C-alpha atoms as a PDB file:
ATOM      1  CA  MET A   1     191.492 174.842  21.716  1.00  0.00           C
ATOM      2  CA  LEU A   2     193.742 175.315  24.740  1.00  0.00           C
ATOM      3  CA  THR A   3     196.002 172.671  26.272  1.00  0.00           C
ATOM      4  CA  LYS A   4     197.213 172.034  29.838  1.00  0.00           C
ATOM      5  CA  GLU A   5     200.313 174.120  29.074  1.00  0.00           C
ATOM      6  CA  ASP A   6     198.066 177.096  28.193  1.00  0.00           C
ATOM      7  CA  LEU A   7     196.501 177.154  31.681  1.00  0.00           C
ATOM      8  CA  ILE A   8     198.441 179.862  33.508  1.00  0.00           C
ATOM      9  CA  VAL A   9     198.162 180.909  37.150  1.00  0.00           C
ATOM     10  CA  GLY A  10     196.752 184.444  37.347  1.00  0.00           C
ATOM     11  CA  HIS A  11     194.967 184.268  33.997  1.00  0.00           C
ATOM     12  CA  VAL A  12     191.180 184.483  33.568  1.00  0.00           C
ATOM     13  CA  TYR A  13     189.201 182.187  31.258  1.00  0.00           C
ATOM     14  CA  SER A  14     185.669 182.423  29.882  1.00  0.00           C
ATOM     15  CA  ALA A  15     183.141 179.603  29.778  1.00  0.00           C
ATOM     16  CA  LYS A  16     181.923 177.830  26.661  1.00  0.00           C
ATOM     17  CA  LYS A  17     178.419 178.429  28.007  1.00  0.00           C
ATOM     18  CA  LYS A  18     178.339 182.004  29.295  1.00  0.00           C
ATOM     19  CA  ARG A  19     176.100 182.728  32.259  1.00  0.00           C
ATOM     20  CA  ILE A  20     175.400 186.020  33.974  1.00  0.00           C
ATOM     21  CA  ILE A  21     175.937 186.122  37.740  1.00  0.00           C
ATOM     22  CA  GLY A  22     174.805 188.758  40.243  1.00  0.00           C
ATOM     23  CA  LEU A  23     171.803 190.780  41.306  1.00  0.00           C
ATOM     24  CA  PHE A  24     172.924 194.404  41.426  1.00  0.00           C
ATOM     25  CA  THR A  25     176.065 194.173  39.306  1.00  0.00           C
ATOM     26  CA  SER A  26     176.121 191.466  36.652  1.00  0.00           C
ATOM     27  CA  TYR A  27     179.275 189.536  35.772  1.00  0.00           C
ATOM     28  CA  TYR A  28     180.074 186.633  33.472  1.00  0.00           C
ATOM     29  CA  ASN A  29     180.920 183.256  35.003  1.00  0.00           C
ATOM     30  CA  ASP A  30     184.631 183.583  34.220  1.00  0.00           C
ATOM     31  CA  ARG A  31     187.285 181.743  36.259  1.00  0.00           C
ATOM     32  CA  ALA A  32     190.714 182.929  37.403  1.00  0.00           C
ATOM     33  CA  ILE A  33     193.320 180.267  38.117  1.00  0.00           C
ATOM     34  CA  ILE A  34     194.709 180.822  41.619  1.00  0.00           C
ATOM     35  CA  ARG A  35     197.123 177.893  41.760  1.00  0.00           C
ATOM     36  CA  LYS A  36     198.007 174.581  40.204  1.00  0.00           C
ATOM     37  CA  LEU A  37     198.193 171.739  42.704  1.00  0.00           C
ATOM     38  CA  PRO A  38     200.005 168.401  42.367  1.00  0.00           C
ATOM     39  CA  GLY A  39     198.175 165.738  40.397  1.00  0.00           C
ATOM     40  CA  GLY A  40     196.868 168.094  37.699  1.00  0.00           C
ATOM     41  CA  VAL A  41     194.410 169.936  39.958  1.00  0.00           C
ATOM     42  CA  ILE A  42     193.506 173.603  39.485  1.00  0.00           C
ATOM     43  CA  GLN A  43     192.129 175.866  42.200  1.00  0.00           C
ATOM     44  CA  TYR A  44     190.184 178.863  40.893  1.00  0.00           C
ATOM     45  CA  ASP A  45     188.222 181.955  41.872  1.00  0.00           C
ATOM     46  CA  SER A  46     185.115 183.207  40.106  1.00  0.00           C
ATOM     47  CA  PRO A  47     182.160 185.552  40.618  1.00  0.00           C
ATOM     48  CA  THR A  48     180.201 182.316  41.173  1.00  0.00           C
ATOM     49  CA  VAL A  49     182.181 181.590  44.373  1.00  0.00           C
ATOM     50  CA  LYS A  50     180.240 183.026  47.305  1.00  0.00           C
ATOM     51  CA  ILE A  51     182.102 185.321  49.720  1.00  0.00           C
ATOM     52  CA  GLY A  52     183.559 183.351  52.624  1.00  0.00           C
ATOM     53  CA  ARG A  53     183.585 180.023  50.751  1.00  0.00           C
ATOM     54  CA  HIS A  54     186.648 177.926  49.901  1.00  0.00           C
ATOM     55  CA  TYR A  55     188.027 178.228  46.391  1.00  0.00           C
ATOM     56  CA  PRO A  56     186.866 175.247  44.300  1.00  0.00           C
ATOM     57  CA  SER A  57     189.323 172.729  42.846  1.00  0.00           C
ATOM     58  CA  ILE A  58     188.891 170.713  39.632  1.00  0.00           C
ATOM     59  CA  THR A  59     191.158 168.698  37.367  1.00  0.00           C
ATOM     60  CA  GLU A  60     192.891 170.278  34.393  1.00  0.00           C
ATOM     61  CA  GLU A  61     190.797 168.073  32.094  1.00  0.00           C
ATOM     62  CA  GLN A  62     187.547 169.342  33.641  1.00  0.00           C
ATOM     63  CA  PHE A  63     188.755 172.933  33.350  1.00  0.00           C
ATOM     64  CA  LEU A  64     189.660 172.451  29.676  1.00  0.00           C
ATOM     65  CA  LYS A  65     186.182 171.030  28.947  1.00  0.00           C
ATOM     66  CA  TRP A  66     184.607 174.072  30.658  1.00  0.00           C
ATOM     67  CA  GLU A  67     186.750 176.892  29.230  1.00  0.00           C
ATOM     68  CA  LYS A  68     186.442 178.640  25.892  1.00  0.00           C
ATOM     69  CA  GLU A  69     189.290 181.177  25.816  1.00  0.00           C
ATOM     70  CA  ASP A  70     191.745 183.262  27.816  1.00  0.00           C
ATOM     71  CA  VAL A  71     190.153 186.679  28.488  1.00  0.00           C
ATOM     72  CA  THR A  72     192.859 188.079  30.773  1.00  0.00           C
ATOM     73  CA  ASN A  73     193.694 190.939  28.399  1.00  0.00           C
ATOM     74  CA  ILE A  74     190.115 192.200  28.060  1.00  0.00           C
ATOM     75  CA  ILE A  75     189.014 192.340  31.713  1.00  0.00           C
ATOM     76  CA  PRO A  76     189.521 195.328  34.019  1.00  0.00           C
ATOM     77  CA  LYS A  77     192.499 195.062  36.374  1.00  0.00           C
ATOM     78  CA  ASP A  78     191.477 193.656  39.782  1.00  0.00           C
ATOM     79  CA  ASP A  79     187.847 193.176  38.722  1.00  0.00           C
ATOM     80  CA  TRP A  80     185.643 190.707  36.883  1.00  0.00           C
ATOM     81  CA  ARG A  81     184.250 191.139  33.391  1.00  0.00           C
ATOM     82  CA  LYS A  82     180.885 192.889  33.638  1.00  0.00           C
ATOM     83  CA  ALA A  83     177.983 191.579  31.570  1.00  0.00           C
ATOM     84  CA  GLU A  84     176.611 194.037  29.013  1.00  0.00           C
END
């Protein structure tokens, strides 16, 4: 189980409940931490965020309940993890 100290800007995390996103190309609903804001708030990007929308923000506690593991080392550089 990860802690607040394990949440690193630029790293990508998988969900406890994997979902597949996309019509033509399918991706997992992973999240990449863009920045940590004051007050324990995390702003993230994900294939679930529609193009042109603002990046969502949630608390570190909410993120820790959602995440399963750090998958940064197994995803392609500058891309999302494709669903098999």
